[in-house]
Amino acid sequence: MAAVILTAVAGLTLPDIDASLGMGHRSGLTHSILPALAATLRRRWHPVAAGLAAGLALHLAADAFPNAMTGYATVKLPFAGGIGAGLSYAWLGVNAALASALGIGLIVRLFDRRTAAGLLVTLLIVGIGYLLRTDGGWPVLALGALGGWLLLRKR
């Protein structure tokens, strides 16, 4: 459980390591599900992959709401450069959704129902804290609240 929570916190900022590695900001390698997928290569790393995926999902979702999707904010692919605003929104949205599905799926598979529910609630609280203080976080919170309200109303 600790591995999931700690790597989720790490995943919140991991994508921005790209600038330190000389890749340029919003590298498609770090701003994607790829780091979490790499952690799925060994079964014993699956808790790490689950947490990393959850943190990446929140980071990528927030990055999908920049002040303007130009230059610095657009996703850059190796050997191709920037992919433009429309594809950057799609890249971030699709990768955030895939990372969410991977993280939740692994948690549900790795832990019993009660533990998985506790972990998901813990990650929800961590995610809300992150989104409240990061650029682009408010729109993600609003969309999440709307989605939650619609699900509850459907019942």
C-alpha atoms as a PDB file:
ATOM      1  CA  MET A   1       0.000   0.000   0.000  1.00  0.00           C
ATOM      2  CA  ALA A   2       2.818   2.378   0.857  1.00  0.00           C
ATOM      3  CA  ALA A   3       4.423   1.789  -2.543  1.00  0.00           C
ATOM      4  CA  VAL A   4       1.188   2.802  -4.286  1.00  0.00           C
ATOM      5  CA  ILE A   5       0.809   6.009  -2.286  1.00  0.00           C
ATOM      6  CA  LEU A   6       4.468   7.035  -2.475  1.00  0.00           C
ATOM      7  CA  THR A   7       4.749   6.434  -6.197  1.00  0.00           C
ATOM      8  CA  ALA A   8       1.468   8.267  -6.797  1.00  0.00           C
ATOM      9  CA  VAL A   9       2.975  11.312  -5.094  1.00  0.00           C
ATOM     10  CA  ALA A  10       6.136  10.879  -7.197  1.00  0.00           C
ATOM     11  CA  GLY A  11       4.023  10.537 -10.344  1.00  0.00           C
ATOM     12  CA  LEU A  12       2.480  13.957  -9.729  1.00  0.00           C
ATOM     13  CA  THR A  13       5.753  15.648 -10.650  1.00  0.00           C
ATOM     14  CA  LEU A  14       7.625  12.952 -12.604  1.00  0.00           C
ATOM     15  CA  PRO A  15       6.587  14.182 -16.087  1.00  0.00           C
ATOM     16  CA  ASP A  16       8.397  17.485 -15.538  1.00  0.00           C
ATOM     17  CA  ILE A  17      11.725  15.693 -15.185  1.00  0.00           C
ATOM     18  CA  ASP A  18      11.893  16.019 -18.978  1.00  0.00           C
ATOM     19  CA  ALA A  19      13.399  19.501 -18.810  1.00  0.00           C
ATOM     20  CA  SER A  20      16.152  18.307 -16.450  1.00  0.00           C
ATOM     21  CA  LEU A  21      16.955  15.468 -18.856  1.00  0.00           C
ATOM     22  CA  GLY A  22      17.339  17.863 -21.796  1.00  0.00           C
ATOM     23  CA  MET A  23      14.198  16.660 -23.589  1.00  0.00           C
ATOM     24  CA  GLY A  24      12.407  20.000 -23.546  1.00  0.00           C
ATOM     25  CA  HIS A  25       9.206  20.636 -21.642  1.00  0.00           C
ATOM     26  CA  ARG A  26       6.241  18.332 -22.285  1.00  0.00           C
ATOM     27  CA  SER A  27       8.198  15.495 -23.816  1.00  0.00           C
ATOM     28  CA  GLY A  28       5.883  12.796 -25.101  1.00  0.00           C
ATOM     29  CA  LEU A  29       8.084  10.245 -23.328  1.00  0.00           C
ATOM     30  CA  THR A  30       7.454  11.588 -19.828  1.00  0.00           C
ATOM     31  CA  HIS A  31       4.045  13.142 -20.451  1.00  0.00           C
ATOM     32  CA  SER A  32       2.429   9.810 -21.235  1.00  0.00           C
ATOM     33  CA  ILE A  33       1.531   6.460 -19.744  1.00  0.00           C
ATOM     34  CA  LEU A  34       4.968   5.073 -20.754  1.00  0.00           C
ATOM     35  CA  PRO A  35       6.672   5.434 -17.331  1.00  0.00           C
ATOM     36  CA  ALA A  36       3.838   3.492 -15.668  1.00  0.00           C
ATOM     37  CA  LEU A  37       3.824   0.871 -18.421  1.00  0.00           C
ATOM     38  CA  ALA A  38       7.557   0.355 -17.902  1.00  0.00           C
ATOM     39  CA  ALA A  39       6.832  -0.511 -14.264  1.00  0.00           C
ATOM     40  CA  THR A  40       4.373  -3.223 -15.338  1.00  0.00           C
ATOM     41  CA  LEU A  41       7.153  -5.267 -16.937  1.00  0.00           C
ATOM     42  CA  ARG A  42       7.765  -7.131 -13.670  1.00  0.00           C
ATOM     43  CA  ARG A  43       4.905  -8.393 -11.531  1.00  0.00           C
ATOM     44  CA  ARG A  44       6.548  -7.332  -8.291  1.00  0.00           C
ATOM     45  CA  TRP A  45       6.579  -3.719  -9.556  1.00  0.00           C
ATOM     46  CA  HIS A  46       2.817  -3.627 -10.169  1.00  0.00           C
ATOM     47  CA  PRO A  47       2.102  -1.611  -6.971  1.00  0.00           C
ATOM     48  CA  VAL A  48       4.665   0.931  -8.194  1.00  0.00           C
ATOM     49  CA  ALA A  49       2.994   0.978 -11.623  1.00  0.00           C
ATOM     50  CA  ALA A  50      -0.428   1.506 -10.015  1.00  0.00           C
ATOM     51  CA  GLY A  51       0.693   4.499  -7.988  1.00  0.00           C
ATOM     52  CA  LEU A  52       2.762   5.956 -10.774  1.00  0.00           C
ATOM     53  CA  ALA A  53      -0.174   5.672 -13.174  1.00  0.00           C
ATOM     54  CA  ALA A  54      -2.472   7.448 -10.709  1.00  0.00           C
ATOM     55  CA  GLY A  55      -0.037  10.327 -10.225  1.00  0.00           C
ATOM     56  CA  LEU A  56       0.670  10.611 -13.942  1.00  0.00           C
ATOM     57  CA  ALA A  57      -3.062  10.679 -14.698  1.00  0.00           C
ATOM     58  CA  LEU A  58      -3.583  13.671 -12.424  1.00  0.00           C
ATOM     59  CA  HIS A  59      -0.550  15.523 -13.786  1.00  0.00           C
ATOM     60  CA  LEU A  60      -1.524  14.931 -17.411  1.00  0.00           C
ATOM     61  CA  ALA A  61      -5.149  15.903 -16.771  1.00  0.00           C
ATOM     62  CA  ALA A  62      -4.037  19.208 -15.250  1.00  0.00           C
ATOM     63  CA  ASP A  63      -1.591  19.799 -18.122  1.00  0.00           C
ATOM     64  CA  ALA A  64      -4.531  19.524 -20.543  1.00  0.00           C
ATOM     65  CA  PHE A  65      -5.725  22.906 -19.236  1.00  0.00           C
ATOM     66  CA  PRO A  66      -2.843  25.348 -19.845  1.00  0.00           C
ATOM     67  CA  ASN A  67      -3.368  29.086 -20.142  1.00  0.00           C
ATOM     68  CA  ALA A  68      -2.670  28.625 -23.871  1.00  0.00           C
ATOM     69  CA  MET A  69      -1.711  25.470 -25.775  1.00  0.00           C
ATOM     70  CA  THR A  70       1.204  27.021 -27.626  1.00  0.00           C
ATOM     71  CA  GLY A  71       4.983  26.545 -27.648  1.00  0.00           C
ATOM     72  CA  TYR A  72       6.051  25.509 -24.150  1.00  0.00           C
ATOM     73  CA  ALA A  73       2.677  23.888 -23.401  1.00  0.00           C
ATOM     74  CA  THR A  74       2.516  21.624 -26.455  1.00  0.00           C
ATOM     75  CA  VAL A  75       3.692  18.016 -26.383  1.00  0.00           C
ATOM     76  CA  LYS A  76       6.985  17.278 -28.123  1.00  0.00           C
ATOM     77  CA  LEU A  77       7.752  13.877 -29.614  1.00  0.00           C
ATOM     78  CA  PRO A  78      11.315  12.604 -30.132  1.00  0.00           C
ATOM     79  CA  PHE A  79      12.569  13.306 -33.655  1.00  0.00           C
ATOM     80  CA  ALA A  80       9.254  15.013 -34.565  1.00  0.00           C
ATOM     81  CA  GLY A  81       9.130  18.098 -32.359  1.00  0.00           C
ATOM     82  CA  GLY A  82       5.938  19.813 -31.244  1.00  0.00           C
ATOM     83  CA  ILE A  83       2.693  18.183 -32.349  1.00  0.00           C
ATOM     84  CA  GLY A  84       0.514  21.294 -32.214  1.00  0.00           C
ATOM     85  CA  ALA A  85      -2.357  22.307 -29.979  1.00  0.00           C
ATOM     86  CA  GLY A  86      -5.080  19.904 -31.124  1.00  0.00           C
ATOM     87  CA  LEU A  87      -2.903  16.808 -30.975  1.00  0.00           C
ATOM     88  CA  SER A  88      -1.409  17.939 -27.655  1.00  0.00           C
ATOM     89  CA  TYR A  89      -4.885  18.125 -26.078  1.00  0.00           C
ATOM     90  CA  ALA A  90      -5.657  14.671 -27.479  1.00  0.00           C
ATOM     91  CA  TRP A  91      -2.303  13.244 -26.350  1.00  0.00           C
ATOM     92  CA  LEU A  92      -2.703  14.518 -22.796  1.00  0.00           C
ATOM     93  CA  GLY A  93      -6.369  13.507 -22.535  1.00  0.00           C
ATOM     94  CA  VAL A  94      -5.912  10.004 -23.916  1.00  0.00           C
ATOM     95  CA  ASN A  95      -2.814   9.345 -21.816  1.00  0.00           C
ATOM     96  CA  ALA A  96      -4.512  10.687 -18.664  1.00  0.00           C
ATOM     97  CA  ALA A  97      -7.488   8.372 -19.274  1.00  0.00           C
ATOM     98  CA  LEU A  98      -5.249   5.368 -19.977  1.00  0.00           C
ATOM     99  CA  ALA A  99      -3.134   6.052 -16.897  1.00  0.00           C
ATOM    100  CA  SER A 100      -6.295   6.341 -14.765  1.00  0.00           C
ATOM    101  CA  ALA A 101      -7.592   3.032 -16.091  1.00  0.00           C
ATOM    102  CA  LEU A 102      -4.231   1.328 -15.529  1.00  0.00           C
ATOM    103  CA  GLY A 103      -3.846   2.663 -11.990  1.00  0.00           C
ATOM    104  CA  ILE A 104      -7.384   1.825 -10.890  1.00  0.00           C
ATOM    105  CA  GLY A 105      -7.302  -1.539 -12.637  1.00  0.00           C
ATOM    106  CA  LEU A 106      -4.071  -2.567 -10.933  1.00  0.00           C
ATOM    107  CA  ILE A 107      -5.263  -1.424  -7.507  1.00  0.00           C
ATOM    108  CA  VAL A 108      -8.517  -3.366  -7.839  1.00  0.00           C
ATOM    109  CA  ARG A 109      -6.632  -6.453  -9.010  1.00  0.00           C
ATOM    110  CA  LEU A 110      -3.820  -6.300  -6.439  1.00  0.00           C
ATOM    111  CA  PHE A 111      -5.816  -5.618  -3.277  1.00  0.00           C
ATOM    112  CA  ASP A 112      -8.968  -6.899  -1.602  1.00  0.00           C
ATOM    113  CA  ARG A 113     -12.051  -4.677  -1.955  1.00  0.00           C
ATOM    114  CA  ARG A 114     -11.690  -2.897   1.371  1.00  0.00           C
ATOM    115  CA  THR A 115      -7.989  -2.138   0.926  1.00  0.00           C
ATOM    116  CA  ALA A 116      -8.508  -1.052  -2.689  1.00  0.00           C
ATOM    117  CA  ALA A 117     -11.336   1.285  -1.621  1.00  0.00           C
ATOM    118  CA  GLY A 118      -9.127   2.777   1.097  1.00  0.00           C
ATOM    119  CA  LEU A 119      -6.272   3.288  -1.340  1.00  0.00           C
ATOM    120  CA  LEU A 120      -8.533   4.896  -3.918  1.00  0.00           C
ATOM    121  CA  VAL A 121      -9.976   7.283  -1.310  1.00  0.00           C
ATOM    122  CA  THR A 122      -6.437   8.137  -0.146  1.00  0.00           C
ATOM    123  CA  LEU A 123      -5.362   8.807  -3.728  1.00  0.00           C
ATOM    124  CA  LEU A 124      -8.491  10.911  -4.265  1.00  0.00           C
ATOM    125  CA  ILE A 125      -7.542  13.089  -1.285  1.00  0.00           C
ATOM    126  CA  VAL A 126      -3.927  13.375  -2.485  1.00  0.00           C
ATOM    127  CA  GLY A 127      -5.195  14.206  -5.987  1.00  0.00           C
ATOM    128  CA  ILE A 128      -7.551  16.913  -4.761  1.00  0.00           C
ATOM    129  CA  GLY A 129      -4.706  18.471  -2.781  1.00  0.00           C
ATOM    130  CA  TYR A 130      -2.492  18.450  -5.869  1.00  0.00           C
ATOM    131  CA  LEU A 131      -5.172  19.802  -8.191  1.00  0.00           C
ATOM    132  CA  LEU A 132      -6.083  22.633  -5.804  1.00  0.00           C
ATOM    133  CA  ARG A 133      -2.564  24.033  -6.019  1.00  0.00           C
ATOM    134  CA  THR A 134      -1.516  23.361  -9.614  1.00  0.00           C
ATOM    135  CA  ASP A 135      -2.237  25.235 -12.828  1.00  0.00           C
ATOM    136  CA  GLY A 136      -5.065  23.522 -14.679  1.00  0.00           C
ATOM    137  CA  GLY A 137      -6.258  21.751 -11.541  1.00  0.00           C
ATOM    138  CA  TRP A 138      -9.543  23.583 -11.081  1.00  0.00           C
ATOM    139  CA  PRO A 139     -11.035  22.505 -14.436  1.00  0.00           C
ATOM    140  CA  VAL A 140     -10.082  18.885 -13.679  1.00  0.00           C
ATOM    141  CA  LEU A 141     -11.744  19.128 -10.251  1.00  0.00           C
ATOM    142  CA  ALA A 142     -14.858  20.650 -11.810  1.00  0.00           C
ATOM    143  CA  LEU A 143     -15.059  17.898 -14.447  1.00  0.00           C
ATOM    144  CA  GLY A 144     -14.501  15.230 -11.790  1.00  0.00           C
ATOM    145  CA  ALA A 145     -17.216  16.699  -9.596  1.00  0.00           C
ATOM    146  CA  LEU A 146     -19.599  16.868 -12.549  1.00  0.00           C
ATOM    147  CA  GLY A 147     -18.844  13.249 -13.476  1.00  0.00           C
ATOM    148  CA  GLY A 148     -19.364  12.136  -9.868  1.00  0.00           C
ATOM    149  CA  TRP A 149     -22.635  14.031  -9.636  1.00  0.00           C
ATOM    150  CA  LEU A 150     -23.875  12.481 -12.893  1.00  0.00           C
ATOM    151  CA  LEU A 151     -22.983   8.983 -11.682  1.00  0.00           C
ATOM    152  CA  LEU A 152     -24.803   9.527  -8.394  1.00  0.00           C
ATOM    153  CA  ARG A 153     -27.804  11.025 -10.131  1.00  0.00           C
ATOM    154  CA  LYS A 154     -27.985   8.058 -12.534  1.00  0.00           C
ATOM    155  CA  ARG A 155     -28.462   5.704  -9.593  1.00  0.00           C
END
